[in-house]
Amino acid sequence: MVFSIILQILLGIGFIMFGYQKFVSEDMKQGFKYFGYGDGFRLFTGFFEILSAVIVIVGIWVKPFAAVGGIMIVVTMIGAILTHIKMKDTVKNMMMPIILLILGVIVLIINGSYLF
C-alpha cells in the first residue's frame, strides 16, 4: 500500500537522523545526562533507532520487516514518552514521540498480518 510505503520512508529517514544525532550531538549527550541515562544507553538508543530505520525501510520490499520495524519504533517511542513523564515534562514536549508512536502503530497495523 502506497500510504504505508510513504510512512515507512518518512519514519526511516527520521529515525536515521534521530539515531545519528545520538552519536554526534552535544545536546543529545546533555539531554541523556539530564534524563539520568548514561552514554551507553544513549549509544544503544542511537543504534536501535538506526536499526529500526533500516528494518522499516527494508519492509517496503520484505513486508514482515515493516511490521518488525513498526514494533521497534513503537517500543522506542513508548520509552521516550515514559522518560518525558518521569521528568514531568509538558505534553507539548512529548508531541514528537507521541506522533512517531502513532505513525509506528499505523505501519504495524497495516503490515502486521505479514508476521503470521
N, C-alpha and C. Protein backbone atom coordinates (compact mmCIF):
# COMPACT_ATOMS: atom_id res chain seq x y z
N MET A 1 0.84 -1.18 0.00
CA MET A 1 0.00 0.00 0.00
C MET A 1 0.89 1.25 0.00
N VAL A 2 0.54 2.20 -0.82
CA VAL A 2 1.35 3.41 -1.01
C VAL A 2 1.46 4.21 0.29
N PHE A 3 0.37 4.30 1.03
CA PHE A 3 0.39 5.06 2.29
C PHE A 3 1.43 4.50 3.25
N SER A 4 1.46 3.18 3.38
CA SER A 4 2.43 2.54 4.27
C SER A 4 3.86 2.80 3.79
N ILE A 5 4.08 2.73 2.49
CA ILE A 5 5.43 2.96 1.95
C ILE A 5 5.89 4.39 2.27
N ILE A 6 4.99 5.35 2.10
CA ILE A 6 5.33 6.74 2.42
C ILE A 6 5.68 6.87 3.90
N LEU A 7 4.87 6.27 4.78
CA LEU A 7 5.16 6.32 6.22
C LEU A 7 6.48 5.65 6.54
N GLN A 8 6.75 4.51 5.90
CA GLN A 8 7.99 3.80 6.15
C GLN A 8 9.20 4.63 5.72
N ILE A 9 9.09 5.31 4.60
CA ILE A 9 10.20 6.16 4.14
C ILE A 9 10.40 7.32 5.12
N LEU A 10 9.31 7.97 5.52
CA LEU A 10 9.41 9.10 6.45
C LEU A 10 9.99 8.65 7.79
N LEU A 11 9.47 7.54 8.33
CA LEU A 11 9.99 7.03 9.60
C LEU A 11 11.44 6.61 9.46
N GLY A 12 11.76 5.96 8.34
CA GLY A 12 13.14 5.52 8.13
C GLY A 12 14.12 6.68 8.09
N ILE A 13 13.79 7.69 7.32
CA ILE A 13 14.67 8.86 7.23
C ILE A 13 14.76 9.55 8.60
N GLY A 14 13.62 9.72 9.24
CA GLY A 14 13.60 10.38 10.55
C GLY A 14 14.43 9.63 11.58
N PHE A 15 14.26 8.31 11.64
CA PHE A 15 14.98 7.55 12.66
C PHE A 15 16.46 7.41 12.35
N ILE A 16 16.84 7.46 11.09
CA ILE A 16 18.27 7.52 10.78
C ILE A 16 18.85 8.83 11.33
N MET A 17 18.14 9.92 11.11
CA MET A 17 18.62 11.22 11.62
C MET A 17 18.62 11.25 13.14
N PHE A 18 17.52 10.77 13.76
CA PHE A 18 17.45 10.77 15.23
C PHE A 18 18.55 9.90 15.82
N GLY A 19 18.75 8.74 15.24
CA GLY A 19 19.78 7.84 15.74
C GLY A 19 21.18 8.41 15.59
N TYR A 20 21.44 8.99 14.44
CA TYR A 20 22.75 9.62 14.18
C TYR A 20 23.03 10.72 15.20
N GLN A 21 22.00 11.50 15.51
CA GLN A 21 22.18 12.59 16.48
C GLN A 21 22.60 12.07 17.85
N LYS A 22 22.18 10.86 18.19
CA LYS A 22 22.57 10.28 19.50
C LYS A 22 24.08 10.09 19.58
N PHE A 23 24.73 9.94 18.43
CA PHE A 23 26.17 9.72 18.40
C PHE A 23 26.97 11.02 18.35
N VAL A 24 26.43 12.06 17.73
CA VAL A 24 27.25 13.25 17.45
C VAL A 24 26.79 14.53 18.14
N SER A 25 25.58 14.61 18.59
CA SER A 25 25.03 15.86 19.11
C SER A 25 25.37 16.06 20.58
N GLU A 26 25.96 17.20 20.86
CA GLU A 26 26.25 17.56 22.25
C GLU A 26 24.96 17.75 23.03
N ASP A 27 23.94 18.30 22.37
CA ASP A 27 22.63 18.46 23.02
C ASP A 27 22.06 17.11 23.44
N MET A 28 22.21 16.11 22.59
CA MET A 28 21.72 14.76 22.93
C MET A 28 22.49 14.20 24.12
N LYS A 29 23.80 14.40 24.12
CA LYS A 29 24.61 13.93 25.24
C LYS A 29 24.13 14.56 26.54
N GLN A 30 23.92 15.87 26.51
CA GLN A 30 23.45 16.57 27.71
C GLN A 30 22.03 16.15 28.08
N GLY A 31 21.19 15.94 27.06
CA GLY A 31 19.81 15.53 27.29
C GLY A 31 19.74 14.18 28.00
N PHE A 32 20.55 13.23 27.57
CA PHE A 32 20.54 11.92 28.20
C PHE A 32 21.06 12.01 29.64
N LYS A 33 22.05 12.86 29.88
CA LYS A 33 22.53 13.07 31.25
C LYS A 33 21.41 13.67 32.10
N TYR A 34 20.71 14.66 31.55
CA TYR A 34 19.60 15.30 32.25
C TYR A 34 18.52 14.27 32.62
N PHE A 35 18.26 13.35 31.70
CA PHE A 35 17.24 12.33 31.95
C PHE A 35 17.73 11.24 32.90
N GLY A 36 19.02 11.27 33.23
CA GLY A 36 19.58 10.29 34.15
C GLY A 36 20.09 9.03 33.47
N TYR A 37 20.35 9.11 32.17
CA TYR A 37 20.85 7.96 31.42
C TYR A 37 22.31 8.17 31.06
N GLY A 38 23.07 7.08 31.04
CA GLY A 38 24.48 7.15 30.72
C GLY A 38 24.75 7.12 29.22
N ASP A 39 26.02 7.27 28.89
CA ASP A 39 26.44 7.25 27.48
C ASP A 39 26.14 5.92 26.81
N GLY A 40 26.27 4.83 27.55
CA GLY A 40 25.99 3.52 26.97
C GLY A 40 24.55 3.41 26.48
N PHE A 41 23.62 3.90 27.28
CA PHE A 41 22.21 3.86 26.88
C PHE A 41 21.95 4.78 25.71
N ARG A 42 22.62 5.94 25.70
CA ARG A 42 22.47 6.88 24.57
C ARG A 42 22.94 6.23 23.28
N LEU A 43 24.09 5.58 23.32
CA LEU A 43 24.63 4.92 22.13
C LEU A 43 23.76 3.74 21.71
N PHE A 44 23.28 2.96 22.69
CA PHE A 44 22.37 1.86 22.38
C PHE A 44 21.11 2.40 21.71
N THR A 45 20.56 3.48 22.24
CA THR A 45 19.35 4.07 21.68
C THR A 45 19.60 4.53 20.24
N GLY A 46 20.73 5.18 20.00
CA GLY A 46 21.07 5.61 18.65
C GLY A 46 21.18 4.44 17.69
N PHE A 47 21.86 3.39 18.12
CA PHE A 47 22.00 2.19 17.29
C PHE A 47 20.63 1.57 17.02
N PHE A 48 19.80 1.46 18.06
CA PHE A 48 18.48 0.84 17.92
C PHE A 48 17.60 1.66 16.98
N GLU A 49 17.69 2.99 17.05
CA GLU A 49 16.91 3.83 16.15
C GLU A 49 17.35 3.67 14.70
N ILE A 50 18.64 3.61 14.47
CA ILE A 50 19.14 3.42 13.10
C ILE A 50 18.75 2.03 12.59
N LEU A 51 18.88 1.02 13.44
CA LEU A 51 18.47 -0.33 13.06
C LEU A 51 16.97 -0.37 12.74
N SER A 52 16.16 0.30 13.56
CA SER A 52 14.72 0.38 13.31
C SER A 52 14.45 1.00 11.94
N ALA A 53 15.18 2.05 11.64
CA ALA A 53 15.01 2.75 10.35
C ALA A 53 15.32 1.82 9.18
N VAL A 54 16.44 1.12 9.28
CA VAL A 54 16.84 0.22 8.20
C VAL A 54 15.79 -0.89 8.03
N ILE A 55 15.34 -1.45 9.12
CA ILE A 55 14.36 -2.54 9.05
C ILE A 55 13.03 -2.05 8.48
N VAL A 56 12.56 -0.88 8.90
CA VAL A 56 11.28 -0.40 8.39
C VAL A 56 11.38 -0.04 6.90
N ILE A 57 12.54 0.41 6.46
CA ILE A 57 12.72 0.70 5.03
C ILE A 57 12.82 -0.60 4.22
N VAL A 58 13.56 -1.58 4.73
CA VAL A 58 13.62 -2.88 4.05
C VAL A 58 12.22 -3.48 3.95
N GLY A 59 11.37 -3.15 4.92
CA GLY A 59 10.00 -3.63 4.91
C GLY A 59 9.17 -3.19 3.71
N ILE A 60 9.65 -2.21 2.96
CA ILE A 60 8.97 -1.83 1.72
C ILE A 60 8.96 -3.01 0.76
N TRP A 61 10.03 -3.80 0.77
CA TRP A 61 10.17 -4.94 -0.14
C TRP A 61 9.91 -6.27 0.55
N VAL A 62 10.26 -6.36 1.83
CA VAL A 62 10.07 -7.59 2.61
C VAL A 62 9.07 -7.26 3.71
N LYS A 63 7.80 -7.48 3.42
CA LYS A 63 6.70 -6.97 4.25
C LYS A 63 6.78 -7.29 5.74
N PRO A 64 7.19 -8.50 6.15
CA PRO A 64 7.27 -8.73 7.61
C PRO A 64 8.22 -7.76 8.31
N PHE A 65 9.25 -7.30 7.61
CA PHE A 65 10.19 -6.34 8.21
C PHE A 65 9.50 -5.02 8.55
N ALA A 66 8.52 -4.63 7.76
CA ALA A 66 7.78 -3.38 8.05
C ALA A 66 7.12 -3.48 9.42
N ALA A 67 6.50 -4.63 9.69
CA ALA A 67 5.85 -4.82 10.99
C ALA A 67 6.88 -4.84 12.13
N VAL A 68 7.99 -5.54 11.92
CA VAL A 68 9.04 -5.60 12.95
C VAL A 68 9.60 -4.20 13.20
N GLY A 69 9.87 -3.45 12.14
CA GLY A 69 10.34 -2.07 12.29
C GLY A 69 9.32 -1.21 13.01
N GLY A 70 8.05 -1.42 12.70
CA GLY A 70 6.98 -0.69 13.40
C GLY A 70 7.00 -0.99 14.89
N ILE A 71 7.16 -2.27 15.25
CA ILE A 71 7.23 -2.66 16.66
C ILE A 71 8.42 -1.97 17.33
N MET A 72 9.56 -1.97 16.66
CA MET A 72 10.76 -1.35 17.24
C MET A 72 10.55 0.15 17.47
N ILE A 73 9.91 0.81 16.53
CA ILE A 73 9.63 2.24 16.67
C ILE A 73 8.64 2.48 17.80
N VAL A 74 7.61 1.66 17.89
CA VAL A 74 6.62 1.80 18.96
C VAL A 74 7.30 1.64 20.32
N VAL A 75 8.13 0.62 20.47
CA VAL A 75 8.81 0.39 21.75
C VAL A 75 9.72 1.58 22.10
N THR A 76 10.45 2.07 21.11
CA THR A 76 11.34 3.21 21.34
C THR A 76 10.56 4.45 21.78
N MET A 77 9.44 4.70 21.14
CA MET A 77 8.65 5.90 21.46
C MET A 77 7.92 5.76 22.79
N ILE A 78 7.53 4.55 23.16
CA ILE A 78 6.96 4.35 24.50
C ILE A 78 8.02 4.69 25.54
N GLY A 79 9.25 4.25 25.31
CA GLY A 79 10.35 4.59 26.22
C GLY A 79 10.57 6.09 26.30
N ALA A 80 10.52 6.77 25.15
CA ALA A 80 10.72 8.22 25.14
C ALA A 80 9.59 8.92 25.91
N ILE A 81 8.37 8.49 25.68
CA ILE A 81 7.22 9.11 26.36
C ILE A 81 7.31 8.86 27.86
N LEU A 82 7.66 7.64 28.26
CA LEU A 82 7.80 7.36 29.69
C LEU A 82 8.90 8.19 30.33
N THR A 83 9.98 8.43 29.57
CA THR A 83 11.05 9.29 30.08
C THR A 83 10.53 10.71 30.29
N HIS A 84 9.77 11.23 29.34
CA HIS A 84 9.20 12.57 29.50
C HIS A 84 8.24 12.63 30.68
N ILE A 85 7.46 11.58 30.89
CA ILE A 85 6.54 11.53 32.03
C ILE A 85 7.34 11.51 33.33
N LYS A 86 8.41 10.69 33.36
CA LYS A 86 9.28 10.61 34.54
C LYS A 86 9.84 11.99 34.91
N MET A 87 10.18 12.76 33.87
CA MET A 87 10.76 14.09 34.09
C MET A 87 9.70 15.16 34.30
N LYS A 88 8.43 14.74 34.29
CA LYS A 88 7.29 15.66 34.47
C LYS A 88 7.30 16.76 33.42
N ASP A 89 7.63 16.35 32.20
CA ASP A 89 7.62 17.25 31.05
C ASP A 89 6.20 17.62 30.67
N THR A 90 6.07 18.67 29.92
CA THR A 90 4.76 19.08 29.42
C THR A 90 4.36 18.19 28.24
N VAL A 91 3.07 18.12 27.96
CA VAL A 91 2.58 17.36 26.81
C VAL A 91 3.19 17.93 25.53
N LYS A 92 3.39 19.23 25.48
CA LYS A 92 3.99 19.87 24.31
C LYS A 92 5.35 19.24 23.99
N ASN A 93 6.14 18.97 25.01
CA ASN A 93 7.46 18.37 24.81
C ASN A 93 7.38 16.89 24.42
N MET A 94 6.21 16.29 24.62
CA MET A 94 6.01 14.88 24.28
C MET A 94 5.39 14.69 22.90
N MET A 95 5.06 15.76 22.22
CA MET A 95 4.29 15.64 20.98
C MET A 95 5.04 14.86 19.89
N MET A 96 6.32 15.10 19.71
CA MET A 96 7.05 14.38 18.67
C MET A 96 7.07 12.88 18.95
N PRO A 97 7.42 12.43 20.16
CA PRO A 97 7.35 10.98 20.41
C PRO A 97 5.93 10.42 20.26
N ILE A 98 4.92 11.19 20.64
CA ILE A 98 3.54 10.72 20.50
C ILE A 98 3.18 10.55 19.02
N ILE A 99 3.55 11.52 18.20
CA ILE A 99 3.26 11.44 16.76
C ILE A 99 4.01 10.26 16.14
N LEU A 100 5.28 10.09 16.51
CA LEU A 100 6.06 8.97 15.96
C LEU A 100 5.51 7.64 16.44
N LEU A 101 5.03 7.59 17.68
CA LEU A 101 4.38 6.38 18.19
C LEU A 101 3.16 6.03 17.34
N ILE A 102 2.32 7.02 17.07
CA ILE A 102 1.12 6.80 16.26
C ILE A 102 1.49 6.32 14.86
N LEU A 103 2.49 6.95 14.24
CA LEU A 103 2.91 6.53 12.90
C LEU A 103 3.47 5.10 12.91
N GLY A 104 4.23 4.77 13.96
CA GLY A 104 4.74 3.40 14.09
C GLY A 104 3.61 2.39 14.25
N VAL A 105 2.59 2.74 15.03
CA VAL A 105 1.43 1.87 15.21
C VAL A 105 0.70 1.67 13.88
N ILE A 106 0.57 2.74 13.11
CA ILE A 106 -0.10 2.63 11.80
C ILE A 106 0.65 1.68 10.89
N VAL A 107 1.97 1.82 10.81
CA VAL A 107 2.77 0.91 9.98
C VAL A 107 2.60 -0.53 10.48
N LEU A 108 2.61 -0.72 11.79
CA LEU A 108 2.43 -2.05 12.36
C LEU A 108 1.06 -2.63 12.02
N ILE A 109 0.02 -1.84 12.15
CA ILE A 109 -1.33 -2.30 11.84
C ILE A 109 -1.46 -2.69 10.36
N ILE A 110 -0.95 -1.83 9.49
CA ILE A 110 -1.05 -2.11 8.05
C ILE A 110 -0.30 -3.37 7.66
N ASN A 111 0.85 -3.60 8.30
CA ASN A 111 1.72 -4.70 7.89
C ASN A 111 1.75 -5.88 8.85
N GLY A 112 1.02 -5.78 9.95
CA GLY A 112 1.05 -6.82 10.99
C GLY A 112 0.65 -8.19 10.50
N SER A 113 -0.25 -8.26 9.55
CA SER A 113 -0.71 -9.56 9.06
C SER A 113 0.41 -10.34 8.37
N TYR A 114 1.46 -9.66 7.92
CA TYR A 114 2.58 -10.33 7.25
C TYR A 114 3.47 -11.09 8.23
N LEU A 115 3.28 -10.87 9.54
CA LEU A 115 4.07 -11.57 10.54
C LEU A 115 3.64 -13.02 10.71
N PHE A 116 2.41 -13.32 10.34
CA PHE A 116 1.87 -14.67 10.61
C PHE A 116 1.55 -15.42 9.34
